[in-house]
Protein backbone atom coordinates (compact mmCIF):
# COMPACT_ATOMS: atom_id res chain seq x y z
CA MET A 1 51.74 -9.46 -9.61
CA ILE A 2 51.32 -12.37 -7.29
CA ARG A 3 49.91 -11.86 -3.80
CA LYS A 4 49.45 -14.55 -1.14
CA PHE A 5 46.90 -14.69 1.70
CA ASP A 6 45.96 -17.66 3.81
CA PHE A 7 42.33 -16.63 3.71
CA LEU A 8 40.87 -14.85 0.59
CA VAL A 9 37.43 -13.49 1.27
CA ILE A 10 35.58 -11.96 -1.80
CA GLY A 11 32.77 -9.81 -0.59
CA SER A 12 32.33 -7.42 2.38
CA GLY A 13 28.73 -7.83 3.55
CA VAL A 14 27.73 -9.42 6.83
CA ALA A 15 28.76 -12.85 5.58
CA GLY A 16 32.22 -11.90 4.40
CA MET A 17 33.03 -9.70 7.34
CA SER A 18 31.76 -12.23 9.86
CA TYR A 19 33.96 -14.91 8.39
CA ALA A 20 36.96 -12.64 8.12
CA LEU A 21 36.70 -11.57 11.71
CA GLN A 22 36.43 -15.12 13.01
CA VAL A 23 39.43 -16.56 11.14
CA ALA A 24 41.52 -13.39 11.88
CA ALA A 25 40.91 -13.98 15.55
CA SER A 26 42.40 -17.47 15.33
CA GLY A 27 45.83 -16.06 14.50
CA LYS A 28 46.31 -18.75 11.84
CA GLY A 29 47.19 -16.57 8.95
CA LYS A 30 46.68 -13.40 6.95
CA VAL A 31 43.18 -12.46 5.69
CA ALA A 32 42.38 -10.43 2.58
CA LEU A 33 38.88 -8.90 2.39
CA VAL A 34 38.21 -7.95 -1.24
CA CYS A 35 35.52 -5.37 -1.81
CA LYS A 36 34.03 -4.75 -5.28
CA THR A 37 33.57 -1.04 -4.51
CA THR A 38 33.90 0.33 -0.95
CA ILE A 39 33.52 -1.73 2.17
CA ASP A 40 30.26 0.00 3.09
CA GLU A 41 28.44 -0.69 -0.12
CA ALA A 42 26.70 -4.11 0.23
CA ASN A 43 23.20 -5.55 0.27
CA THR A 44 23.54 -5.90 3.93
CA ALA A 45 23.40 -2.15 4.43
CA LYS A 46 20.11 -1.99 2.54
CA ALA A 47 18.32 -4.55 4.76
CA GLN A 48 15.80 -2.55 6.77
CA GLY A 49 13.61 -5.14 8.60
CA GLY A 50 15.87 -7.03 10.92
CA VAL A 51 17.30 -10.33 12.11
CA ALA A 52 15.08 -13.33 13.04
CA SER A 53 16.00 -15.15 16.23
CA VAL A 54 14.05 -16.86 19.01
CA THR A 55 14.75 -14.72 22.07
CA ASN A 56 11.41 -14.37 23.90
CA LEU A 57 11.18 -17.92 25.34
CA GLU A 58 8.00 -17.16 27.23
CA VAL A 59 5.98 -17.35 23.98
CA ASP A 60 8.40 -18.48 21.24
CA ASP A 61 10.59 -21.56 20.69
CA PHE A 62 12.84 -23.10 18.02
CA SER A 63 10.07 -25.48 16.71
CA LYS A 64 7.84 -22.48 15.86
CA HIS A 65 10.63 -20.76 13.92
CA ILE A 66 11.47 -24.03 12.16
CA ARG A 67 7.80 -24.51 11.22
CA ASP A 68 7.51 -20.95 9.91
CA THR A 69 10.60 -21.35 7.83
CA MET A 70 9.48 -24.69 6.29
CA ILE A 71 6.02 -23.23 5.45
CA ALA A 72 7.39 -20.10 3.81
CA GLY A 73 9.84 -22.27 1.82
CA ASP A 74 7.01 -24.38 0.50
CA TYR A 75 8.59 -27.46 2.14
CA ILE A 76 11.50 -27.45 -0.26
CA SER A 77 13.86 -26.17 2.44
CA ASP A 78 16.50 -28.62 3.78
CA PRO A 79 15.41 -29.48 7.39
CA ARG A 80 19.10 -29.77 8.43
CA ALA A 81 19.85 -26.29 7.24
CA VAL A 82 16.76 -24.85 8.87
CA GLU A 83 17.52 -26.39 12.22
CA GLN A 84 21.19 -25.28 11.98
CA VAL A 85 20.22 -21.66 11.43
CA VAL A 86 17.31 -21.45 13.81
CA LYS A 87 19.18 -23.08 16.70
CA GLY A 88 22.44 -21.19 15.88
CA ALA A 89 20.69 -17.83 15.66
CA PRO A 90 20.99 -16.83 19.36
CA THR A 91 24.76 -17.49 19.32
CA GLY A 92 24.91 -15.44 16.09
CA ILE A 93 23.08 -12.55 17.77
CA ALA A 94 25.54 -12.69 20.65
CA ARG A 95 28.41 -12.53 18.20
CA LEU A 96 27.02 -9.50 16.51
CA LEU A 97 26.53 -7.76 19.88
CA ALA A 98 30.19 -8.56 20.74
CA TRP A 99 31.29 -6.92 17.53
CA GLY A 100 29.48 -3.75 18.52
CA VAL A 101 26.17 -4.05 16.68
CA GLU A 102 23.26 -2.51 18.57
CA PHE A 103 19.55 -3.58 18.47
CA ASP A 104 16.66 -1.56 19.79
CA ARG A 105 15.51 -2.42 23.31
CA ARG A 106 12.43 -1.65 25.43
CA GLY A 107 12.48 0.28 28.63
CA ASP A 108 13.11 -2.95 30.61
CA GLY A 109 16.22 -3.76 28.58
CA ASP A 110 14.68 -6.64 26.58
CA PHE A 111 14.91 -6.59 22.80
CA ASP A 112 12.10 -4.67 21.06
CA LEU A 113 10.87 -7.41 18.80
CA HIS A 114 8.95 -6.90 15.57
CA ARG A 115 6.81 -9.43 13.73
CA GLU A 116 6.95 -9.82 9.95
CA GLY A 117 5.06 -11.73 7.26
CA GLY A 118 5.09 -15.52 7.73
CA HIS A 119 6.31 -15.39 11.34
CA SER A 120 3.94 -16.76 13.95
CA GLU A 121 5.63 -14.74 16.83
CA PHE A 122 7.36 -11.47 17.46
CA ARG A 123 11.05 -12.46 16.91
CA ILE A 124 12.58 -9.81 14.65
CA LEU A 125 15.43 -7.89 16.27
CA HIS A 126 15.96 -4.55 14.59
CA HIS A 127 17.62 -1.20 14.79
CA ALA A 128 14.82 1.30 13.85
CA ASP A 129 14.26 0.67 10.18
CA ASP A 130 17.93 0.55 9.12
CA THR A 131 19.04 -2.74 10.73
CA GLY A 132 21.36 -3.68 7.89
CA PHE A 133 23.10 -0.39 7.97
CA GLU A 134 23.72 -0.80 11.73
CA ILE A 135 25.07 -4.29 11.24
CA GLN A 136 27.40 -3.13 8.45
CA ARG A 137 28.56 -0.17 10.64
CA GLY A 138 29.38 -2.44 13.60
CA LEU A 139 31.23 -5.00 11.44
CA ILE A 140 33.17 -2.40 9.49
CA GLU A 141 34.40 -0.85 12.73
CA ALA A 142 35.46 -4.34 13.99
CA VAL A 143 37.24 -5.10 10.70
CA ARG A 144 39.07 -1.73 10.69
CA ASN A 145 40.32 -2.50 14.18
CA CYS A 146 41.66 -5.89 13.23
CA PRO A 147 45.34 -5.79 12.02
CA ALA A 148 45.19 -9.31 10.52
CA ILE A 149 42.66 -8.24 7.94
CA THR A 150 43.81 -6.45 4.81
CA VAL A 151 40.92 -4.52 3.23
CA LEU A 152 41.19 -4.17 -0.50
CA GLU A 153 38.52 -1.78 -1.83
CA ASN A 154 37.57 -1.26 -5.46
CA HIS A 155 39.15 -4.56 -6.39
CA PHE A 156 37.11 -6.69 -8.84
CA ALA A 157 37.33 -10.46 -8.81
CA VAL A 158 37.38 -11.79 -12.39
CA GLU A 159 37.74 -15.52 -12.00
CA ILE A 160 38.44 -18.06 -9.34
CA ILE A 161 41.53 -20.20 -10.02
CA THR A 162 41.30 -24.03 -10.41
CA GLN A 163 43.23 -26.79 -12.25
CA HIS A 164 41.64 -25.38 -15.43
CA HIS A 165 44.20 -22.56 -15.28
CA LEU A 166 47.01 -25.11 -15.09
CA GLY A 167 45.93 -26.60 -18.35
CA VAL A 168 43.92 -29.48 -16.93
CA GLU A 169 40.53 -30.21 -18.54
CA VAL A 170 37.88 -29.63 -15.88
CA THR A 171 34.24 -30.55 -16.50
CA ARG A 172 31.18 -30.76 -14.16
CA ARG A 173 31.99 -34.43 -13.72
CA THR A 174 35.53 -33.84 -12.51
CA PRO A 175 35.47 -35.12 -8.88
CA ASP A 176 38.45 -33.32 -7.39
CA ILE A 177 38.29 -29.66 -8.53
CA GLU A 178 40.28 -27.44 -6.21
CA CYS A 179 40.36 -23.65 -5.78
CA TYR A 180 43.83 -21.99 -5.51
CA GLY A 181 42.67 -18.35 -5.24
CA ALA A 182 41.36 -15.76 -7.76
CA TYR A 183 42.40 -13.36 -10.44
CA ILE A 184 41.54 -9.88 -9.25
CA LEU A 185 41.59 -6.57 -11.06
CA ASP A 186 43.53 -3.82 -9.35
CA PRO A 187 41.92 -0.42 -9.90
CA ASP A 188 45.18 1.61 -9.64
CA THR A 189 47.33 -0.43 -12.07
CA ARG A 190 44.43 -1.69 -14.17
CA LYS A 191 46.21 -5.00 -14.17
CA ILE A 192 44.82 -8.41 -13.10
CA ASP A 193 46.79 -9.76 -10.16
CA THR A 194 47.08 -13.34 -9.05
CA PHE A 195 45.83 -13.90 -5.53
CA LEU A 196 46.94 -17.30 -4.15
CA SER A 197 45.12 -18.54 -1.08
CA ARG A 198 44.87 -21.60 1.08
CA VAL A 199 41.14 -21.01 1.51
CA THR A 200 38.80 -18.86 -0.68
CA VAL A 201 35.46 -17.73 0.42
CA LEU A 202 32.78 -16.32 -1.88
CA ALA A 203 30.52 -13.77 -0.06
CA THR A 204 29.59 -11.73 -3.11
CA GLY A 205 25.86 -11.28 -2.39
CA GLY A 206 22.94 -11.55 -4.71
CA CYS A 207 22.05 -10.73 -8.30
CA GLY A 208 19.09 -8.31 -8.18
CA ALA A 209 20.68 -6.00 -10.75
CA VAL A 210 19.99 -8.55 -13.47
CA TYR A 211 16.47 -7.23 -13.33
CA ALA A 212 15.38 -3.77 -14.61
CA SER A 213 13.97 -2.87 -11.17
CA THR A 214 15.41 -4.03 -7.92
CA THR A 215 15.93 -3.14 -4.29
CA ASN A 216 19.60 -4.18 -4.70
CA PRO A 217 22.42 -1.83 -5.46
CA ASP A 218 23.92 -1.78 -8.93
CA ILE A 219 26.86 -3.92 -7.81
CA ALA A 220 24.56 -6.99 -7.19
CA THR A 221 25.36 -8.70 -10.42
CA GLY A 222 25.78 -12.28 -9.25
CA ASP A 223 29.57 -12.29 -9.61
CA GLY A 224 30.36 -15.04 -7.19
CA ILE A 225 27.68 -17.36 -8.49
CA ALA A 226 28.81 -16.81 -12.10
CA MET A 227 32.52 -17.34 -11.24
CA ALA A 228 31.71 -20.50 -9.32
CA TYR A 229 29.49 -21.79 -12.17
CA ARG A 230 32.25 -21.13 -14.78
CA ALA A 231 34.57 -23.05 -12.52
CA LYS A 232 32.10 -26.05 -12.67
CA ALA A 233 30.72 -25.71 -9.15
CA THR A 234 27.22 -26.89 -8.44
CA VAL A 235 24.54 -24.16 -8.60
CA ARG A 236 20.91 -24.81 -7.62
CA ASP A 237 17.53 -23.33 -6.95
CA MET A 238 18.13 -20.31 -9.07
CA GLU A 239 14.50 -20.18 -10.23
CA PHE A 240 13.52 -18.99 -6.75
CA VAL A 241 13.97 -15.23 -7.07
CA GLN A 242 12.12 -13.34 -4.37
CA PHE A 243 10.24 -10.23 -5.45
CA HIS A 244 9.73 -7.98 -2.48
CA PRO A 245 6.00 -7.01 -2.45
CA THR A 246 6.49 -3.47 -1.29
CA ALA A 247 9.18 -1.42 -2.87
CA LEU A 248 8.43 2.30 -2.91
CA PHE A 249 6.95 3.18 -6.28
CA HIS A 250 8.59 6.25 -7.76
CA HIS A 251 8.86 6.98 -11.45
CA GLY A 252 12.45 6.66 -12.70
CA GLU A 253 13.86 5.02 -9.61
CA THR A 254 14.85 1.46 -10.39
CA HIS A 255 18.36 0.72 -9.13
CA PRO A 256 17.98 0.59 -6.22
CA ALA A 257 14.24 0.92 -5.52
CA TYR A 258 13.66 2.02 -2.01
CA LEU A 259 12.40 -0.79 0.23
CA ILE A 260 9.32 -0.48 2.45
CA THR A 261 10.20 -3.04 5.05
CA GLU A 262 8.01 -6.02 5.81
CA ALA A 263 8.02 -4.84 9.42
CA MET A 264 5.61 -2.06 8.36
CA ARG A 265 2.99 -4.74 7.56
CA GLY A 266 3.85 -6.48 10.78
CA TYR A 267 3.28 -3.17 12.49
CA GLY A 268 -0.33 -3.12 11.12
CA GLY A 269 0.08 -1.71 7.61
CA ILE A 270 -2.76 -2.72 5.24
CA LEU A 271 -2.48 -3.21 1.49
CA ARG A 272 -5.03 -1.36 -0.51
CA LEU A 273 -5.90 -0.23 -4.08
CA PRO A 274 -5.33 3.49 -4.63
CA GLY A 275 -9.01 4.07 -4.08
CA GLY A 276 -8.87 2.49 -0.60
CA ALA A 277 -10.33 -0.98 -1.18
CA GLU A 278 -8.50 -3.91 0.54
CA PHE A 279 -7.70 -6.94 -1.59
CA MET A 280 -5.57 -9.51 0.28
CA GLN A 281 -8.70 -11.15 1.66
CA LYS A 282 -9.17 -12.64 -1.80
CA TYR A 283 -5.79 -14.47 -1.68
CA ASP A 284 -4.81 -15.52 1.75
CA ARG A 285 -6.37 -15.74 5.21
CA ARG A 286 -3.21 -14.05 6.63
CA LEU A 287 -4.07 -10.94 4.67
CA SER A 288 -1.23 -8.46 4.45
CA LEU A 289 0.99 -10.73 6.64
CA ALA A 290 1.09 -13.55 4.16
CA PRO A 291 4.52 -14.72 2.92
CA ARG A 292 6.17 -12.57 0.27
CA ASP A 293 5.53 -14.77 -2.67
CA ILE A 294 1.82 -14.85 -2.12
CA VAL A 295 1.61 -11.04 -1.53
CA ALA A 296 3.81 -10.23 -4.50
CA ARG A 297 1.63 -12.38 -6.87
CA ALA A 298 -1.57 -10.84 -5.36
CA ILE A 299 -0.29 -7.32 -6.00
CA ASP A 300 0.88 -8.23 -9.50
CA LYS A 301 -2.54 -9.64 -10.28
CA GLU A 302 -4.38 -6.62 -8.89
CA MET A 303 -2.15 -4.25 -10.86
CA LYS A 304 -2.97 -6.19 -14.11
CA ILE A 305 -6.69 -6.44 -13.38
CA HIS A 306 -7.03 -2.70 -12.73
CA GLY A 307 -4.34 -1.44 -15.12
CA LEU A 308 -2.26 0.07 -12.26
CA ASP A 309 1.50 0.67 -11.92
CA HIS A 310 1.31 0.41 -8.07
CA VAL A 311 -0.93 -0.41 -5.12
CA CYS A 312 -0.74 1.27 -1.66
CA LEU A 313 0.27 0.46 1.89
CA ASP A 314 -1.76 2.19 4.54
CA VAL A 315 -0.49 3.05 8.06
CA THR A 316 -2.68 6.17 8.48
CA HIS A 317 -4.70 4.37 11.16
CA LYS A 318 -1.65 3.96 13.39
CA ASP A 319 -0.45 6.46 15.96
CA PRO A 320 1.56 9.10 13.94
CA GLU A 321 4.26 9.55 16.65
CA GLU A 322 4.77 5.80 16.89
CA THR A 323 5.03 5.45 13.13
CA ARG A 324 7.69 8.17 12.97
CA ARG A 325 9.56 6.57 15.85
CA HIS A 326 9.49 3.01 14.41
CA PHE A 327 10.24 3.97 10.78
CA PRO A 328 12.15 7.28 10.74
CA ASN A 329 14.01 6.63 7.59
CA ILE A 330 10.95 5.53 5.63
CA TYR A 331 9.06 8.52 6.98
CA ALA A 332 11.79 10.95 5.87
CA LYS A 333 12.20 9.27 2.45
CA CYS A 334 8.46 9.49 1.67
CA LEU A 335 8.26 13.01 3.05
CA SER A 336 11.06 14.00 0.62
CA MET A 337 8.66 12.81 -2.20
CA GLY A 338 5.81 14.80 -0.72
CA ILE A 339 4.06 11.86 1.02
CA ASP A 340 3.32 12.10 4.75
CA ILE A 341 2.80 8.44 5.58
CA THR A 342 0.90 9.33 8.80
CA ARG A 343 -1.77 10.87 6.61
CA GLU A 344 -1.31 9.42 3.11
CA TYR A 345 -0.99 5.93 1.50
CA ILE A 346 2.48 4.75 0.47
CA PRO A 347 2.63 3.81 -3.24
CA VAL A 348 4.25 0.36 -3.55
CA ALA A 349 4.99 -2.21 -6.23
CA PRO A 350 6.84 -5.65 -6.31
CA CYS A 351 10.52 -5.48 -7.11
CA ALA A 352 13.41 -8.06 -7.53
CA HIS A 353 14.86 -8.40 -4.06
CA TYR A 354 16.45 -11.69 -2.99
CA LEU A 355 17.86 -14.94 -4.52
CA CYS A 356 17.06 -18.13 -2.60
CA GLY A 357 19.31 -20.22 -4.72
CA GLY A 358 23.02 -19.99 -5.52
CA ILE A 359 26.24 -21.94 -5.01
CA LYS A 360 25.27 -25.27 -3.33
CA VAL A 361 26.95 -25.71 -0.05
CA ASP A 362 26.84 -28.28 2.78
CA VAL A 363 26.38 -27.63 6.47
CA HIS A 364 29.98 -26.35 6.69
CA ALA A 365 29.43 -23.90 3.83
CA CYS A 366 31.72 -26.03 1.58
CA SER A 367 30.93 -25.79 -2.15
CA SER A 368 31.42 -28.78 -4.57
CA ILE A 369 34.94 -27.31 -5.27
CA ARG A 370 37.54 -28.17 -2.58
CA ARG A 371 38.87 -25.23 -0.63
CA LEU A 372 36.13 -23.04 -1.90
CA TYR A 373 33.41 -21.88 0.54
CA ALA A 374 30.36 -19.76 -0.15
CA VAL A 375 28.35 -17.75 2.50
CA GLY A 376 25.52 -15.31 2.43
CA GLU A 377 23.16 -14.67 -0.48
CA CYS A 378 25.45 -16.12 -3.12
CA SER A 379 25.22 -19.54 -1.45
CA CYS A 380 22.35 -22.04 -1.40
CA THR A 381 22.35 -23.66 1.99
CA GLY A 382 18.85 -25.07 1.62
CA LEU A 383 17.43 -22.81 4.37
CA HIS A 384 15.12 -20.78 2.09
CA GLY A 385 13.80 -23.58 -0.13
CA GLY A 386 11.22 -22.07 -2.52
CA ASN A 387 10.82 -18.79 -0.69
CA ARG A 388 12.77 -16.90 1.99
CA LEU A 389 11.03 -16.20 5.28
CA ALA A 390 11.53 -12.49 6.10
CA SER A 391 14.55 -11.67 8.14
CA ASN A 392 16.13 -15.14 7.91
CA SER A 393 18.88 -14.06 5.50
CA LEU A 394 21.05 -11.93 7.81
CA ILE A 395 21.18 -14.55 10.55
CA GLU A 396 21.80 -17.28 7.95
CA ALA A 397 24.89 -15.29 6.83
CA VAL A 398 26.23 -15.07 10.41
CA VAL A 399 25.55 -18.74 11.26
CA TYR A 400 27.07 -20.14 8.04
CA ALA A 401 30.06 -17.76 8.26
CA GLU A 402 30.83 -19.37 11.68
CA ALA A 403 30.43 -22.86 10.14
CA ALA A 404 32.82 -21.96 7.34
CA ALA A 405 35.30 -20.50 9.76
CA LEU A 406 35.36 -23.52 12.03
CA HIS A 407 35.60 -26.01 9.10
CA SER A 408 38.41 -24.02 7.28
CA LEU A 409 40.41 -23.53 10.42
CA ALA A 410 40.14 -27.25 11.18
CA HIS A 411 41.45 -28.15 7.65
CA MET A 412 44.00 -25.39 7.07
CA ASP A 413 46.97 -27.74 7.47
CA GLU A 414 45.70 -29.80 4.49
CA TYR A 415 45.84 -26.85 2.12
CA ALA A 416 49.01 -25.24 0.59
CA PHE A 417 49.66 -22.43 -1.86
CA ASN A 418 49.82 -23.62 -5.52
CA GLU A 419 52.94 -21.92 -6.89
CA ARG A 420 52.36 -23.30 -10.45
CA VAL A 421 49.41 -20.93 -11.14
CA PRO A 422 50.21 -18.69 -14.18
CA GLU A 423 49.66 -15.00 -14.23
CA TRP A 424 46.70 -13.52 -16.19
CA ASN A 425 47.29 -12.65 -19.85
CA ASP A 426 45.66 -9.25 -20.16
CA GLU A 427 46.55 -8.19 -23.69
CA GLY A 428 43.97 -6.22 -25.62
CA THR A 429 42.19 -2.83 -25.58
CA LEU A 430 38.67 -1.67 -25.20
CA SER A 431 37.31 1.16 -27.50
CA ASN A 432 34.75 3.73 -26.49
CA GLU A 433 32.30 2.11 -29.00
CA GLU A 434 32.64 -1.17 -27.22
CA LYS A 435 31.99 0.53 -23.84
CA VAL A 436 28.67 1.86 -25.26
CA LEU A 437 27.68 -1.56 -26.44
CA ILE A 438 28.37 -3.12 -23.05
CA GLN A 439 26.13 -0.59 -21.31
CA GLN A 440 23.37 -1.28 -23.87
CA ASP A 441 23.71 -4.98 -23.28
CA ILE A 442 23.49 -4.55 -19.46
CA ARG A 443 20.24 -2.68 -19.91
CA GLU A 444 18.96 -5.41 -22.31
CA VAL A 445 19.68 -8.15 -19.72
CA GLY A 446 17.45 -6.29 -17.23
CA GLN A 447 14.72 -5.87 -19.76
CA ILE A 448 14.82 -9.52 -20.77
CA MET A 449 14.73 -10.75 -17.18
CA SER A 450 11.97 -8.39 -16.07
CA SER A 451 9.78 -9.08 -19.09
CA TYR A 452 10.15 -12.87 -19.33
CA VAL A 453 11.47 -14.20 -16.00
CA GLY A 454 9.52 -12.18 -13.52
CA ILE A 455 6.82 -12.93 -10.89
CA VAL A 456 4.58 -14.91 -13.34
CA ARG A 457 6.31 -17.04 -15.98
CA SER A 458 5.49 -19.34 -18.87
CA ASP A 459 7.49 -21.71 -21.03
CA LEU A 460 7.13 -19.31 -24.01
CA ARG A 461 8.48 -16.43 -22.08
CA LEU A 462 11.33 -18.50 -20.52
CA LYS A 463 12.39 -19.86 -23.96
CA ARG A 464 12.38 -16.39 -25.40
CA ALA A 465 14.57 -15.17 -22.57
CA TRP A 466 16.93 -18.11 -23.16
CA THR A 467 17.23 -17.30 -26.91
CA ARG A 468 17.99 -13.57 -26.19
CA LEU A 469 20.47 -14.35 -23.46
CA ASP A 470 22.23 -16.93 -25.62
CA LEU A 471 22.86 -14.39 -28.26
CA LEU A 472 24.18 -11.87 -25.84
CA TYR A 473 26.41 -14.67 -24.31
CA GLU A 474 28.05 -15.46 -27.63
CA GLU A 475 28.65 -11.73 -28.41
CA THR A 476 30.07 -10.94 -24.94
CA GLU A 477 32.38 -13.96 -24.79
CA GLU A 478 33.80 -13.16 -28.16
CA LEU A 479 34.43 -9.54 -26.98
CA PHE A 480 35.84 -10.69 -23.62
CA ARG A 481 38.44 -12.83 -25.36
CA ARG A 482 39.89 -9.92 -27.29
CA VAL A 483 39.88 -7.04 -24.88
CA LYS A 484 41.52 -6.16 -21.63
CA PRO A 485 38.98 -6.94 -18.88
CA THR A 486 37.19 -4.02 -17.15
CA PRO A 487 34.54 -4.22 -14.38
CA ASP A 488 31.82 -3.38 -16.90
CA ILE A 489 32.43 -6.33 -19.22
CA CYS A 490 33.04 -8.66 -16.31
CA GLU A 491 29.70 -7.67 -14.75
CA LEU A 492 27.94 -8.09 -18.04
CA ARG A 493 29.36 -11.68 -18.42
CA ASN A 494 28.26 -12.47 -14.90
CA MET A 495 24.79 -11.03 -15.34
CA ILE A 496 24.27 -13.10 -18.52
CA ASN A 497 25.55 -16.25 -16.74
CA VAL A 498 23.14 -15.68 -13.81
CA GLY A 499 20.22 -14.77 -16.06
CA TYR A 500 20.83 -18.01 -17.99
CA LEU A 501 20.87 -20.04 -14.83
CA ILE A 502 17.68 -18.54 -13.50
CA THR A 503 16.00 -19.17 -16.79
CA ARG A 504 17.26 -22.64 -17.33
CA GLN A 505 16.41 -23.84 -13.83
CA ALA A 506 13.01 -22.21 -14.13
CA LEU A 507 12.34 -24.17 -17.34
CA GLU A 508 13.46 -27.35 -15.59
CA ARG A 509 10.97 -27.04 -12.72
CA LYS A 510 7.73 -28.43 -14.19
CA GLU A 511 5.43 -27.08 -11.42
CA SER A 512 4.54 -23.90 -9.70
CA ARG A 513 6.26 -23.90 -6.34
CA GLY A 514 7.24 -21.20 -3.95
CA LEU A 515 8.50 -18.07 -5.75
CA HIS A 516 8.36 -19.90 -9.11
CA TYR A 517 4.93 -19.54 -10.65
CA THR A 518 4.31 -20.63 -14.20
CA THR A 519 1.10 -20.55 -16.15
CA ASP A 520 2.05 -23.82 -17.90
CA TYR A 521 2.08 -25.76 -14.71
CA PRO A 522 -0.27 -23.82 -12.43
CA ARG A 523 -0.86 -24.81 -8.90
CA HIS A 524 -3.24 -22.63 -6.93
CA ALA A 525 -1.17 -19.56 -6.64
CA TYR A 526 -2.46 -18.48 -3.24
CA ASP A 527 -2.19 -21.70 -1.34
CA GLN A 528 -3.78 -21.46 2.11
CA ASN A 529 -0.89 -22.91 4.08
């Protein structure tokens, strides 16, 4: 079946919904919002900490936020992207408020601002400790009330459509690649439909699920990045995978691991060994408020030195009532495990969390493929550089969604539907035995990435990962060619593609920088910025 939409948005987190709402408001065409599962399941909803924006002008300003971002990114960040996001943040916050999102305020009506690791001032807007959930709630309500947006839940994007599907040879040197839409799997018919569009936007989120333990939901398999890469788009900075230092340690809970927000360290939480000794003073003068890459490596090293599977975060010295008020969900989660955080340490360990790289885009969120935009975690704007500053991601998604909306609306008249796109040939069957193999291979990808492409790397580990992933790639592509596609095998393909990109670009970076630390090219891991 062929379906036509002026705007095809693949992904329903803050980036995808922000874009969809803005282009829908223009009245310039029909919008399809394609959700891999349900509209409420996205990485956005898992974000606890908050949104970074300069709002208290008495003590804060744009230059401070820009400097903090550049320092955290190890000066790899693109200054233009940093300035665009930091200066666009207040407008983005106003847009979220207009869509019905609420942030906590003090008694005088001003925002109740938090401070997180790497930030020099209190500038984190939040909604208790479930900010992402509140943003997702507000945007979902706005989307549901917008008649111009068609929400397609449980639809799986298999491939984006380019000249390649018209029989034209497309390589990474082809200068004029264009996107005409996407092939998307319908859950009811189990058929792959052809979605033609004038503009296509990838807002598919991150890829944490390629690791054995992650704060991301299982659906974070890097689908948009893999599809764009197969279509010959430019993908960069994939080696910079952020491991959140403080995921709640709980045996058997890996996907998703429960996040202990950075704001808890900003609140005064102290990292300790299980016996009570502090250790961050050995690694950085900012102690527990150092940027995530430094804290994650410090924890990793302490765990290896002492043979531990976790360290601890201590807030027992803080006022119990204040702790319960600021972090009600974390308090309840830990209590359900028998831990009263007002009296006991919280067991924590680093966990795959956020990808700083992705589909390379310009200041308008345009990818290297014409008519294809990328926003949110699947994109690489240049903002994060070698390491994301806490709470910069949600505001980046809003600011770049607006940039993409403005650019695509201004160029809509240049784009037309391509009626020559063929329908997908979905002949083939998938046996139960093959389904078992796919699940085994998905687990193997996670084991490979966690063992060899984790917080600390080496050329030997990376080459071993490359070899293992290459074998899985050949086996999976051969299987994909002869079966009818299902979400499982599509996710496996995407995970292998993304794992390969992380590994290859890690091998290509002959230095330790930001989140990428290798024992073959060591720089002092705990740089006193």
